[in-house]
């Protein structure tokens, strides 16, 4: 099998979970002349990554030691985490290796920020800098305002206002990102199951009543991981659950397949509005970190383009 010239893949890695997010990161990075080595989580990532990644390694969810060893072997010093890893998998039958087991035992609580944040710190200690997962996907982060043809009506707006108040309080304790509201009553709160299952649970509880979905970011959201995401499946679930409006945080929520998502929402009569996050501040650490990551990606892309002009990249390597 032909070997990939590593000049354009050097230094960059992608730790891939499920969904389309990893594909979009690869595409966005490639548009800047950057090729990423992919570390794909076997229990979560799509097999289709094989067809788009030039170099790919598969690891099981509990193999933190092997993940770090592979990143070092590939010379990765900058990495992006993209794609969901379901929190409940941590409590499944998957057996952690010694490094992950030690990390889990060191945690006083096992919410998302604690779990992934500890992994991020460990990567940093190993010389692998984790950057903003949206650094290559700025067009998918919505601006403030109504994004669909239809704005939320009066009843939906009232539910959104109530829902944002509840969701922001929950986000402060890292419980979940999504609540589902019906007539100013909170019907469902997201925990480990994810947004789509939360909406479906709300539909079962209300038996056909109109619903509003509210998704928020955490205070000073760390954009390196656990970024709020809405995709085509979210719209499909909302449509069959009679959820007629979606509220999200501007600049901190990824709209996967943005144009198609908004077109599907318009067709379903779903209103989508993006709101300024409660703690938005151009001078806060999170905003500054996001800008640094974007600058880092931009500078690296220029260097990769220069290298690529000197080295023809051929073939694709799959590594088990």
C-alpha atoms as a PDB file:
ATOM      1  CA  UNK A   1       0.000   0.000   0.000  1.00  0.00           C
ATOM      2  CA  UNK A   2       1.326   3.447  -0.885  1.00  0.00           C
ATOM      3  CA  UNK A   3       2.641   5.499   2.016  1.00  0.00           C
ATOM      4  CA  UNK A   4       1.328   8.979   2.680  1.00  0.00           C
ATOM      5  CA  UNK A   5       3.958  11.714   2.728  1.00  0.00           C
ATOM      6  CA  UNK A   6       3.745  12.949   6.319  1.00  0.00           C
ATOM      7  CA  UNK A   7       4.733  16.529   5.602  1.00  0.00           C
ATOM      8  CA  UNK A   8       1.135  17.698   5.472  1.00  0.00           C
ATOM      9  CA  UNK A   9      -0.079  15.424   8.284  1.00  0.00           C
ATOM     10  CA  UNK A  10       2.643  16.267  10.783  1.00  0.00           C
ATOM     11  CA  UNK A  11       1.574  17.773  14.114  1.00  0.00           C
ATOM     12  CA  UNK A  12      -2.210  17.542  13.674  1.00  0.00           C
ATOM     13  CA  UNK A  13      -4.522  14.880  15.084  1.00  0.00           C
ATOM     14  CA  UNK A  14      -8.270  14.310  15.308  1.00  0.00           C
ATOM     15  CA  UNK A  15      -9.851  12.249  18.088  1.00  0.00           C
ATOM     16  CA  UNK A  16     -13.120  11.183  16.479  1.00  0.00           C
ATOM     17  CA  UNK A  17     -16.381  10.243  18.149  1.00  0.00           C
ATOM     18  CA  UNK A  18     -19.730   9.673  16.467  1.00  0.00           C
ATOM     19  CA  UNK A  19     -21.761  11.728  14.015  1.00  0.00           C
ATOM     20  CA  UNK A  20     -20.782  14.062  11.209  1.00  0.00           C
ATOM     21  CA  UNK A  21     -18.699  16.461  13.294  1.00  0.00           C
ATOM     22  CA  UNK A  22     -15.371  14.610  12.657  1.00  0.00           C
ATOM     23  CA  UNK A  23     -16.000  14.600   8.891  1.00  0.00           C
ATOM     24  CA  UNK A  24     -16.588  18.348   8.898  1.00  0.00           C
ATOM     25  CA  UNK A  25     -13.401  18.991  10.867  1.00  0.00           C
ATOM     26  CA  UNK A  26     -11.391  16.906   8.389  1.00  0.00           C
ATOM     27  CA  UNK A  27     -12.978  18.776   5.494  1.00  0.00           C
ATOM     28  CA  UNK A  28     -12.415  22.174   7.087  1.00  0.00           C
ATOM     29  CA  UNK A  29      -8.791  21.378   7.928  1.00  0.00           C
ATOM     30  CA  UNK A  30      -8.130  20.011   4.441  1.00  0.00           C
ATOM     31  CA  UNK A  31      -9.509  23.206   2.909  1.00  0.00           C
ATOM     32  CA  UNK A  32      -6.645  24.984   4.709  1.00  0.00           C
ATOM     33  CA  UNK A  33      -4.033  22.518   3.518  1.00  0.00           C
ATOM     34  CA  UNK A  34      -3.952  20.518   6.763  1.00  0.00           C
ATOM     35  CA  UNK A  35      -4.182  16.725   6.858  1.00  0.00           C
ATOM     36  CA  UNK A  36      -4.984  15.161  10.218  1.00  0.00           C
ATOM     37  CA  UNK A  37      -4.117  11.776  11.632  1.00  0.00           C
ATOM     38  CA  UNK A  38      -7.376  10.327  12.948  1.00  0.00           C
ATOM     39  CA  UNK A  39      -7.709   8.396  16.183  1.00  0.00           C
ATOM     40  CA  UNK A  40     -11.183   6.899  15.802  1.00  0.00           C
ATOM     41  CA  UNK A  41     -13.083   5.523  18.786  1.00  0.00           C
ATOM     42  CA  UNK A  42     -14.247   2.078  17.719  1.00  0.00           C
ATOM     43  CA  UNK A  43     -17.489   2.100  19.725  1.00  0.00           C
ATOM     44  CA  UNK A  44     -18.553   5.508  18.387  1.00  0.00           C
ATOM     45  CA  UNK A  45     -16.903   6.648  15.154  1.00  0.00           C
ATOM     46  CA  UNK A  46     -18.307   5.914  11.713  1.00  0.00           C
ATOM     47  CA  UNK A  47     -16.535   3.279   9.578  1.00  0.00           C
ATOM     48  CA  UNK A  48     -16.886   5.765   6.705  1.00  0.00           C
ATOM     49  CA  UNK A  49     -13.975   7.704   8.186  1.00  0.00           C
ATOM     50  CA  UNK A  50     -11.827   5.054   6.472  1.00  0.00           C
ATOM     51  CA  UNK A  51     -12.703   6.583   3.112  1.00  0.00           C
ATOM     52  CA  UNK A  52     -11.811  10.180   3.981  1.00  0.00           C
ATOM     53  CA  UNK A  53      -8.901   9.957   6.434  1.00  0.00           C
ATOM     54  CA  UNK A  54      -5.421   9.593   4.972  1.00  0.00           C
ATOM     55  CA  UNK A  55      -4.129   8.051   8.197  1.00  0.00           C
ATOM     56  CA  UNK A  56      -6.429   6.400  10.718  1.00  0.00           C
ATOM     57  CA  UNK A  57      -6.008   4.320  13.860  1.00  0.00           C
ATOM     58  CA  UNK A  58      -8.888   2.593  15.656  1.00  0.00           C
ATOM     59  CA  UNK A  59      -8.918   2.414  19.453  1.00  0.00           C
ATOM     60  CA  UNK A  60     -11.441   1.207  21.966  1.00  0.00           C
ATOM     61  CA  UNK A  61     -13.019   3.721  24.311  1.00  0.00           C
ATOM     62  CA  UNK A  62     -11.028   2.551  27.324  1.00  0.00           C
ATOM     63  CA  UNK A  63      -7.628   2.644  25.582  1.00  0.00           C
ATOM     64  CA  UNK A  64      -6.308   6.003  26.747  1.00  0.00           C
ATOM     65  CA  UNK A  65      -2.702   4.778  26.970  1.00  0.00           C
ATOM     66  CA  UNK A  66      -2.733   3.469  23.402  1.00  0.00           C
ATOM     67  CA  UNK A  67      -4.364   6.690  22.175  1.00  0.00           C
ATOM     68  CA  UNK A  68      -1.552   8.774  23.633  1.00  0.00           C
ATOM     69  CA  UNK A  69       1.090   6.362  22.290  1.00  0.00           C
ATOM     70  CA  UNK A  70      -0.383   6.589  18.787  1.00  0.00           C
ATOM     71  CA  UNK A  71      -0.508  10.382  18.913  1.00  0.00           C
ATOM     72  CA  UNK A  72       3.164  10.448  19.911  1.00  0.00           C
ATOM     73  CA  UNK A  73       4.048   7.899  17.211  1.00  0.00           C
ATOM     74  CA  UNK A  74       2.406  10.124  14.593  1.00  0.00           C
ATOM     75  CA  UNK A  75       4.203  13.203  15.919  1.00  0.00           C
ATOM     76  CA  UNK A  76       0.939  14.898  16.872  1.00  0.00           C
ATOM     77  CA  UNK A  77       1.356  18.035  18.956  1.00  0.00           C
ATOM     78  CA  UNK A  78      -2.004  19.680  18.168  1.00  0.00           C
ATOM     79  CA  UNK A  79      -5.313  17.833  18.319  1.00  0.00           C
ATOM     80  CA  UNK A  80      -9.025  18.372  17.976  1.00  0.00           C
ATOM     81  CA  UNK A  81     -11.764  16.369  19.704  1.00  0.00           C
ATOM     82  CA  UNK A  82     -14.835  16.113  17.473  1.00  0.00           C
ATOM     83  CA  UNK A  83     -17.918  13.933  17.655  1.00  0.00           C
ATOM     84  CA  UNK A  84     -19.954  12.759  20.587  1.00  0.00           C
ATOM     85  CA  UNK A  85     -18.811  10.066  22.968  1.00  0.00           C
ATOM     86  CA  UNK A  86     -21.914   9.154  24.925  1.00  0.00           C
ATOM     87  CA  UNK A  87     -21.353   9.781  28.590  1.00  0.00           C
ATOM     88  CA  UNK A  88     -23.168   6.596  29.584  1.00  0.00           C
ATOM     89  CA  UNK A  89     -20.528   4.537  27.757  1.00  0.00           C
ATOM     90  CA  UNK A  90     -18.158   5.381  30.608  1.00  0.00           C
ATOM     91  CA  UNK A  91     -20.434   3.360  32.894  1.00  0.00           C
ATOM     92  CA  UNK A  92     -20.891   0.461  30.474  1.00  0.00           C
ATOM     93  CA  UNK A  93     -18.995  -2.816  30.304  1.00  0.00           C
ATOM     94  CA  UNK A  94     -16.021  -1.145  28.587  1.00  0.00           C
ATOM     95  CA  UNK A  95     -12.895  -1.841  30.622  1.00  0.00           C
ATOM     96  CA  UNK A  96     -10.560   1.143  31.078  1.00  0.00           C
ATOM     97  CA  UNK A  97      -6.811   0.681  30.797  1.00  0.00           C
ATOM     98  CA  UNK A  98      -4.615   1.544  33.768  1.00  0.00           C
ATOM     99  CA  UNK A  99      -4.157   5.186  32.773  1.00  0.00           C
ATOM    100  CA  UNK A 100      -7.881   5.816  32.314  1.00  0.00           C
ATOM    101  CA  UNK A 101      -8.738   3.837  35.451  1.00  0.00           C
ATOM    102  CA  UNK A 102      -6.292   5.946  37.448  1.00  0.00           C
ATOM    103  CA  UNK A 103      -7.774   9.118  35.984  1.00  0.00           C
ATOM    104  CA  UNK A 104     -11.345   8.045  36.812  1.00  0.00           C
ATOM    105  CA  UNK A 105     -10.394   7.204  40.370  1.00  0.00           C
ATOM    106  CA  UNK A 106      -8.877  10.662  40.807  1.00  0.00           C
ATOM    107  CA  UNK A 107     -12.143  12.446  39.975  1.00  0.00           C
ATOM    108  CA  UNK A 108     -14.409  13.660  42.752  1.00  0.00           C
ATOM    109  CA  UNK A 109     -17.298  13.793  40.285  1.00  0.00           C
ATOM    110  CA  UNK A 110     -17.806  12.248  36.854  1.00  0.00           C
ATOM    111  CA  UNK A 111     -19.759  14.835  34.908  1.00  0.00           C
ATOM    112  CA  UNK A 112     -18.748  15.783  31.363  1.00  0.00           C
ATOM    113  CA  UNK A 113     -16.475  18.674  32.252  1.00  0.00           C
ATOM    114  CA  UNK A 114     -14.641  16.614  34.874  1.00  0.00           C
ATOM    115  CA  UNK A 115     -14.197  13.567  32.643  1.00  0.00           C
ATOM    116  CA  UNK A 116     -13.192  15.170  29.370  1.00  0.00           C
ATOM    117  CA  UNK A 117     -11.433  18.042  31.105  1.00  0.00           C
ATOM    118  CA  UNK A 118      -9.179  15.552  32.913  1.00  0.00           C
ATOM    119  CA  UNK A 119      -8.366  13.817  29.613  1.00  0.00           C
ATOM    120  CA  UNK A 120      -7.584  17.211  28.061  1.00  0.00           C
ATOM    121  CA  UNK A 121      -5.213  18.070  30.914  1.00  0.00           C
ATOM    122  CA  UNK A 122      -3.484  14.724  30.550  1.00  0.00           C
ATOM    123  CA  UNK A 123      -2.987  15.315  26.822  1.00  0.00           C
ATOM    124  CA  UNK A 124      -1.503  18.735  27.587  1.00  0.00           C
ATOM    125  CA  UNK A 125       0.909  17.121  30.058  1.00  0.00           C
ATOM    126  CA  UNK A 126       1.926  14.746  27.257  1.00  0.00           C
ATOM    127  CA  UNK A 127       2.715  17.684  24.961  1.00  0.00           C
ATOM    128  CA  UNK A 128      -0.480  17.411  22.907  1.00  0.00           C
ATOM    129  CA  UNK A 129      -2.256  20.769  22.745  1.00  0.00           C
ATOM    130  CA  UNK A 130      -6.033  20.431  22.444  1.00  0.00           C
ATOM    131  CA  UNK A 131      -7.522  23.288  20.429  1.00  0.00           C
ATOM    132  CA  UNK A 132     -10.986  24.740  19.873  1.00  0.00           C
ATOM    133  CA  UNK A 133     -13.003  22.042  18.114  1.00  0.00           C
ATOM    134  CA  UNK A 134     -14.769  24.699  16.010  1.00  0.00           C
ATOM    135  CA  UNK A 135     -11.564  26.368  14.773  1.00  0.00           C
ATOM    136  CA  UNK A 136     -12.134  25.028  11.242  1.00  0.00           C
ATOM    137  CA  UNK A 137     -15.929  25.408  11.294  1.00  0.00           C
ATOM    138  CA  UNK A 138     -16.677  29.102  11.872  1.00  0.00           C
ATOM    139  CA  UNK A 139     -19.485  29.227   9.220  1.00  0.00           C
ATOM    140  CA  UNK A 140     -21.419  26.605  11.195  1.00  0.00           C
ATOM    141  CA  UNK A 141     -21.585  28.772  14.324  1.00  0.00           C
ATOM    142  CA  UNK A 142     -24.765  30.852  14.004  1.00  0.00           C
ATOM    143  CA  UNK A 143     -25.050  34.565  14.500  1.00  0.00           C
ATOM    144  CA  UNK A 144     -27.533  36.072  16.935  1.00  0.00           C
ATOM    145  CA  UNK A 145     -31.097  36.312  15.624  1.00  0.00           C
ATOM    146  CA  UNK A 146     -33.831  34.342  13.862  1.00  0.00           C
ATOM    147  CA  UNK A 147     -32.271  31.821  11.486  1.00  0.00           C
ATOM    148  CA  UNK A 148     -35.398  30.433   9.834  1.00  0.00           C
ATOM    149  CA  UNK A 149     -38.123  32.041   7.723  1.00  0.00           C
ATOM    150  CA  UNK A 150     -40.463  31.940  10.696  1.00  0.00           C
ATOM    151  CA  UNK A 151     -39.712  33.569  14.035  1.00  0.00           C
ATOM    152  CA  UNK A 152     -41.030  32.006  17.257  1.00  0.00           C
ATOM    153  CA  UNK A 153     -44.596  33.079  17.942  1.00  0.00           C
ATOM    154  CA  UNK A 154     -45.717  34.622  21.233  1.00  0.00           C
ATOM    155  CA  UNK A 155     -46.340  31.309  22.997  1.00  0.00           C
ATOM    156  CA  UNK A 156     -43.073  29.798  21.763  1.00  0.00           C
ATOM    157  CA  UNK A 157     -41.151  32.910  22.774  1.00  0.00           C
ATOM    158  CA  UNK A 158     -42.565  32.665  26.294  1.00  0.00           C
ATOM    159  CA  UNK A 159     -41.539  29.004  26.484  1.00  0.00           C
ATOM    160  CA  UNK A 160     -38.077  29.881  25.199  1.00  0.00           C
ATOM    161  CA  UNK A 161     -37.606  32.594  27.821  1.00  0.00           C
ATOM    162  CA  UNK A 162     -38.623  30.207  30.579  1.00  0.00           C
ATOM    163  CA  UNK A 163     -36.570  27.368  29.109  1.00  0.00           C
ATOM    164  CA  UNK A 164     -33.411  29.456  28.840  1.00  0.00           C
ATOM    165  CA  UNK A 165     -33.722  30.441  32.486  1.00  0.00           C
ATOM    166  CA  UNK A 166     -33.965  26.768  33.515  1.00  0.00           C
ATOM    167  CA  UNK A 167     -31.325  25.502  31.084  1.00  0.00           C
ATOM    168  CA  UNK A 168     -28.766  28.113  32.124  1.00  0.00           C
ATOM    169  CA  UNK A 169     -29.105  27.085  35.767  1.00  0.00           C
ATOM    170  CA  UNK A 170     -28.625  23.427  34.816  1.00  0.00           C
ATOM    171  CA  UNK A 171     -25.626  24.282  32.635  1.00  0.00           C
ATOM    172  CA  UNK A 172     -23.972  25.953  35.629  1.00  0.00           C
ATOM    173  CA  UNK A 173     -23.794  22.556  37.346  1.00  0.00           C
ATOM    174  CA  UNK A 174     -22.923  20.682  34.122  1.00  0.00           C
ATOM    175  CA  UNK A 175     -26.058  18.553  34.246  1.00  0.00           C
ATOM    176  CA  UNK A 176     -27.111  18.882  30.611  1.00  0.00           C
ATOM    177  CA  UNK A 177     -27.414  21.305  27.717  1.00  0.00           C
ATOM    178  CA  UNK A 178     -31.058  20.841  26.728  1.00  0.00           C
ATOM    179  CA  UNK A 179     -34.505  21.241  28.240  1.00  0.00           C
ATOM    180  CA  UNK A 180     -37.882  20.684  26.594  1.00  0.00           C
ATOM    181  CA  UNK A 181     -40.730  23.028  27.522  1.00  0.00           C
ATOM    182  CA  UNK A 182     -44.483  22.926  26.995  1.00  0.00           C
ATOM    183  CA  UNK A 183     -46.728  25.805  28.070  1.00  0.00           C
ATOM    184  CA  UNK A 184     -44.151  27.211  30.513  1.00  0.00           C
ATOM    185  CA  UNK A 185     -43.604  23.809  32.154  1.00  0.00           C
ATOM    186  CA  UNK A 186     -40.307  21.918  31.983  1.00  0.00           C
ATOM    187  CA  UNK A 187     -41.173  18.487  30.601  1.00  0.00           C
ATOM    188  CA  UNK A 188     -37.723  16.937  30.152  1.00  0.00           C
ATOM    189  CA  UNK A 189     -34.145  17.688  31.156  1.00  0.00           C
ATOM    190  CA  UNK A 190     -31.156  16.236  29.339  1.00  0.00           C
ATOM    191  CA  UNK A 191     -28.806  14.055  31.350  1.00  0.00           C
ATOM    192  CA  UNK A 192     -26.639  11.318  29.784  1.00  0.00           C
ATOM    193  CA  UNK A 193     -29.024  10.289  27.009  1.00  0.00           C
ATOM    194  CA  UNK A 194     -28.413  13.212  24.633  1.00  0.00           C
ATOM    195  CA  UNK A 195     -30.635  15.830  23.006  1.00  0.00           C
ATOM    196  CA  UNK A 196     -32.623  13.659  20.622  1.00  0.00           C
ATOM    197  CA  UNK A 197     -33.632  11.104  23.251  1.00  0.00           C
ATOM    198  CA  UNK A 198     -34.579  13.951  25.610  1.00  0.00           C
ATOM    199  CA  UNK A 199     -36.957  15.351  22.983  1.00  0.00           C
ATOM    200  CA  UNK A 200     -38.449  11.910  22.359  1.00  0.00           C
ATOM    201  CA  UNK A 201     -38.991  11.390  26.090  1.00  0.00           C
ATOM    202  CA  UNK A 202     -40.772  14.733  26.307  1.00  0.00           C
ATOM    203  CA  UNK A 203     -43.038  13.727  23.416  1.00  0.00           C
ATOM    204  CA  UNK A 204     -43.973  10.502  25.175  1.00  0.00           C
ATOM    205  CA  UNK A 205     -44.777  12.362  28.370  1.00  0.00           C
ATOM    206  CA  UNK A 206     -46.925  15.045  26.728  1.00  0.00           C
ATOM    207  CA  UNK A 207     -48.631  12.762  24.173  1.00  0.00           C
ATOM    208  CA  UNK A 208     -48.694  15.152  21.256  1.00  0.00           C
ATOM    209  CA  UNK A 209     -48.680  18.567  22.944  1.00  0.00           C
ATOM    210  CA  UNK A 210     -46.639  21.334  21.343  1.00  0.00           C
ATOM    211  CA  UNK A 211     -43.034  21.433  22.555  1.00  0.00           C
ATOM    212  CA  UNK A 212     -40.176  23.929  22.504  1.00  0.00           C
ATOM    213  CA  UNK A 213     -36.540  22.793  22.659  1.00  0.00           C
ATOM    214  CA  UNK A 214     -33.935  24.982  24.368  1.00  0.00           C
ATOM    215  CA  UNK A 215     -30.216  24.207  24.110  1.00  0.00           C
ATOM    216  CA  UNK A 216     -27.574  26.337  25.846  1.00  0.00           C
ATOM    217  CA  UNK A 217     -23.829  26.398  26.297  1.00  0.00           C
ATOM    218  CA  UNK A 218     -22.155  26.227  29.677  1.00  0.00           C
ATOM    219  CA  UNK A 219     -20.898  29.352  31.426  1.00  0.00           C
ATOM    220  CA  UNK A 220     -17.513  30.143  29.838  1.00  0.00           C
ATOM    221  CA  UNK A 221     -18.021  27.167  27.521  1.00  0.00           C
ATOM    222  CA  UNK A 222     -14.764  25.354  26.781  1.00  0.00           C
ATOM    223  CA  UNK A 223     -14.914  25.149  22.998  1.00  0.00           C
ATOM    224  CA  UNK A 224     -12.347  22.346  22.929  1.00  0.00           C
ATOM    225  CA  UNK A 225     -14.966  19.753  23.827  1.00  0.00           C
ATOM    226  CA  UNK A 226     -18.665  19.081  24.495  1.00  0.00           C
ATOM    227  CA  UNK A 227     -19.746  21.959  22.243  1.00  0.00           C
ATOM    228  CA  UNK A 228     -23.548  22.050  21.783  1.00  0.00           C
ATOM    229  CA  UNK A 229     -24.537  20.575  18.418  1.00  0.00           C
ATOM    230  CA  UNK A 230     -27.749  20.419  16.395  1.00  0.00           C
ATOM    231  CA  UNK A 231     -28.005  18.380  13.216  1.00  0.00           C
ATOM    232  CA  UNK A 232     -30.474  17.074  10.672  1.00  0.00           C
ATOM    233  CA  UNK A 233     -31.540  14.283  13.004  1.00  0.00           C
ATOM    234  CA  UNK A 234     -32.427  16.874  15.658  1.00  0.00           C
ATOM    235  CA  UNK A 235     -34.844  18.494  13.215  1.00  0.00           C
ATOM    236  CA  UNK A 236     -36.297  15.111  12.233  1.00  0.00           C
ATOM    237  CA  UNK A 237     -36.871  14.199  15.887  1.00  0.00           C
ATOM    238  CA  UNK A 238     -38.440  17.602  16.580  1.00  0.00           C
ATOM    239  CA  UNK A 239     -40.744  17.241  13.605  1.00  0.00           C
ATOM    240  CA  UNK A 240     -42.179  13.888  14.662  1.00  0.00           C
ATOM    241  CA  UNK A 241     -42.348  15.030  18.316  1.00  0.00           C
ATOM    242  CA  UNK A 242     -44.381  18.183  17.554  1.00  0.00           C
ATOM    243  CA  UNK A 243     -41.530  20.408  18.750  1.00  0.00           C
ATOM    244  CA  UNK A 244     -42.128  23.639  16.863  1.00  0.00           C
ATOM    245  CA  UNK A 245     -39.252  25.886  17.988  1.00  0.00           C
ATOM    246  CA  UNK A 246     -35.566  25.557  18.832  1.00  0.00           C
ATOM    247  CA  UNK A 247     -33.519  28.087  20.813  1.00  0.00           C
ATOM    248  CA  UNK A 248     -29.713  27.915  20.794  1.00  0.00           C
ATOM    249  CA  UNK A 249     -26.726  30.021  21.851  1.00  0.00           C
ATOM    250  CA  UNK A 250     -25.187  32.172  19.124  1.00  0.00           C
ATOM    251  CA  UNK A 251     -21.518  31.534  18.422  1.00  0.00           C
ATOM    252  CA  UNK A 252     -21.400  28.468  20.673  1.00  0.00           C
ATOM    253  CA  UNK A 253     -23.655  25.954  18.920  1.00  0.00           C
ATOM    254  CA  UNK A 254     -22.623  24.003  15.831  1.00  0.00           C
ATOM    255  CA  UNK A 255     -25.313  23.636  13.181  1.00  0.00           C
ATOM    256  CA  UNK A 256     -24.153  20.606  11.227  1.00  0.00           C
ATOM    257  CA  UNK A 257     -25.190  20.763   7.553  1.00  0.00           C
ATOM    258  CA  UNK A 258     -26.339  24.290   8.335  1.00  0.00           C
ATOM    259  CA  UNK A 259     -28.013  25.165   5.026  1.00  0.00           C
ATOM    260  CA  UNK A 260     -29.838  21.851   4.759  1.00  0.00           C
ATOM    261  CA  UNK A 261     -30.780  21.941   8.446  1.00  0.00           C
ATOM    262  CA  UNK A 262     -32.391  25.371   8.080  1.00  0.00           C
ATOM    263  CA  UNK A 263     -34.159  24.286   4.887  1.00  0.00           C
ATOM    264  CA  UNK A 264     -35.559  21.207   6.662  1.00  0.00           C
ATOM    265  CA  UNK A 265     -36.667  23.371   9.582  1.00  0.00           C
ATOM    266  CA  UNK A 266     -38.430  25.771   7.220  1.00  0.00           C
ATOM    267  CA  UNK A 267     -40.179  22.881   5.500  1.00  0.00           C
ATOM    268  CA  UNK A 268     -41.325  21.525   8.874  1.00  0.00           C
ATOM    269  CA  UNK A 269     -42.466  24.953  10.078  1.00  0.00           C
ATOM    270  CA  UNK A 270     -39.914  24.916  12.900  1.00  0.00           C
ATOM    271  CA  UNK A 271     -38.624  28.272  14.126  1.00  0.00           C
ATOM    272  CA  UNK A 272     -34.955  28.514  15.142  1.00  0.00           C
ATOM    273  CA  UNK A 273     -33.502  31.485  16.980  1.00  0.00           C
ATOM    274  CA  UNK A 274     -29.963  32.040  18.299  1.00  0.00           C
ATOM    275  CA  UNK A 275     -29.512  34.085  21.468  1.00  0.00           C
ATOM    276  CA  UNK A 276     -26.494  35.794  22.934  1.00  0.00           C
ATOM    277  CA  UNK A 277     -25.047  33.563  25.668  1.00  0.00           C
ATOM    278  CA  UNK A 278     -25.640  34.936  29.145  1.00  0.00           C
ATOM    279  CA  UNK A 279     -21.917  35.239  29.898  1.00  0.00           C
ATOM    280  CA  UNK A 280     -20.838  36.509  26.463  1.00  0.00           C
ATOM    281  CA  UNK A 281     -17.944  38.911  26.841  1.00  0.00           C
ATOM    282  CA  UNK A 282     -15.331  39.643  24.157  1.00  0.00           C
ATOM    283  CA  UNK A 283     -12.709  39.898  26.871  1.00  0.00           C
ATOM    284  CA  UNK A 284     -13.379  36.660  28.725  1.00  0.00           C
ATOM    285  CA  UNK A 285     -10.925  33.773  28.685  1.00  0.00           C
ATOM    286  CA  UNK A 286     -13.121  31.517  26.591  1.00  0.00           C
ATOM    287  CA  UNK A 287     -13.476  34.043  23.759  1.00  0.00           C
ATOM    288  CA  UNK A 288      -9.765  34.779  23.838  1.00  0.00           C
ATOM    289  CA  UNK A 289      -8.973  31.070  23.755  1.00  0.00           C
ATOM    290  CA  UNK A 290     -11.230  30.606  20.751  1.00  0.00           C
ATOM    291  CA  UNK A 291      -9.452  33.396  18.896  1.00  0.00           C
ATOM    292  CA  UNK A 292      -6.072  31.903  19.760  1.00  0.00           C
ATOM    293  CA  UNK A 293      -7.181  28.532  18.401  1.00  0.00           C
ATOM    294  CA  UNK A 294      -8.435  30.086  15.181  1.00  0.00           C
ATOM    295  CA  UNK A 295      -5.136  31.941  14.753  1.00  0.00           C
ATOM    296  CA  UNK A 296      -3.246  28.735  15.483  1.00  0.00           C
ATOM    297  CA  UNK A 297      -5.219  26.875  12.826  1.00  0.00           C
ATOM    298  CA  UNK A 298      -4.700  29.681  10.324  1.00  0.00           C
ATOM    299  CA  UNK A 299      -0.960  29.839  10.877  1.00  0.00           C
ATOM    300  CA  UNK A 300      -0.595  26.079  10.707  1.00  0.00           C
ATOM    301  CA  UNK A 301      -2.580  25.956   7.469  1.00  0.00           C
ATOM    302  CA  UNK A 302      -0.179  28.405   5.852  1.00  0.00           C
ATOM    303  CA  UNK A 303       2.783  26.275   6.878  1.00  0.00           C
ATOM    304  CA  UNK A 304       1.055  23.112   5.670  1.00  0.00           C
ATOM    305  CA  UNK A 305       0.295  24.725   2.305  1.00  0.00           C
ATOM    306  CA  UNK A 306       3.955  25.672   1.900  1.00  0.00           C
ATOM    307  CA  UNK A 307       5.026  22.129   2.721  1.00  0.00           C
ATOM    308  CA  UNK A 308       2.427  20.676   0.382  1.00  0.00           C
ATOM    309  CA  UNK A 309       3.780  22.765  -2.492  1.00  0.00           C
ATOM    310  CA  UNK A 310       7.116  21.018  -2.021  1.00  0.00           C
ATOM    311  CA  UNK A 311       5.757  17.540  -1.411  1.00  0.00           C
ATOM    312  CA  UNK A 312       3.148  15.701  -3.453  1.00  0.00           C
ATOM    313  CA  UNK A 313       0.797  13.793  -1.201  1.00  0.00           C
ATOM    314  CA  UNK A 314      -0.178  10.441  -2.586  1.00  0.00           C
ATOM    315  CA  UNK A 315      -2.141   7.447  -1.306  1.00  0.00           C
ATOM    316  CA  UNK A 316      -3.892   6.743   1.951  1.00  0.00           C
ATOM    317  CA  UNK A 317      -2.810   4.692   4.945  1.00  0.00           C
ATOM    318  CA  UNK A 318      -5.056   2.707   7.243  1.00  0.00           C
ATOM    319  CA  UNK A 319      -3.437   1.652  10.501  1.00  0.00           C
ATOM    320  CA  UNK A 320      -5.112  -0.878  12.776  1.00  0.00           C
END
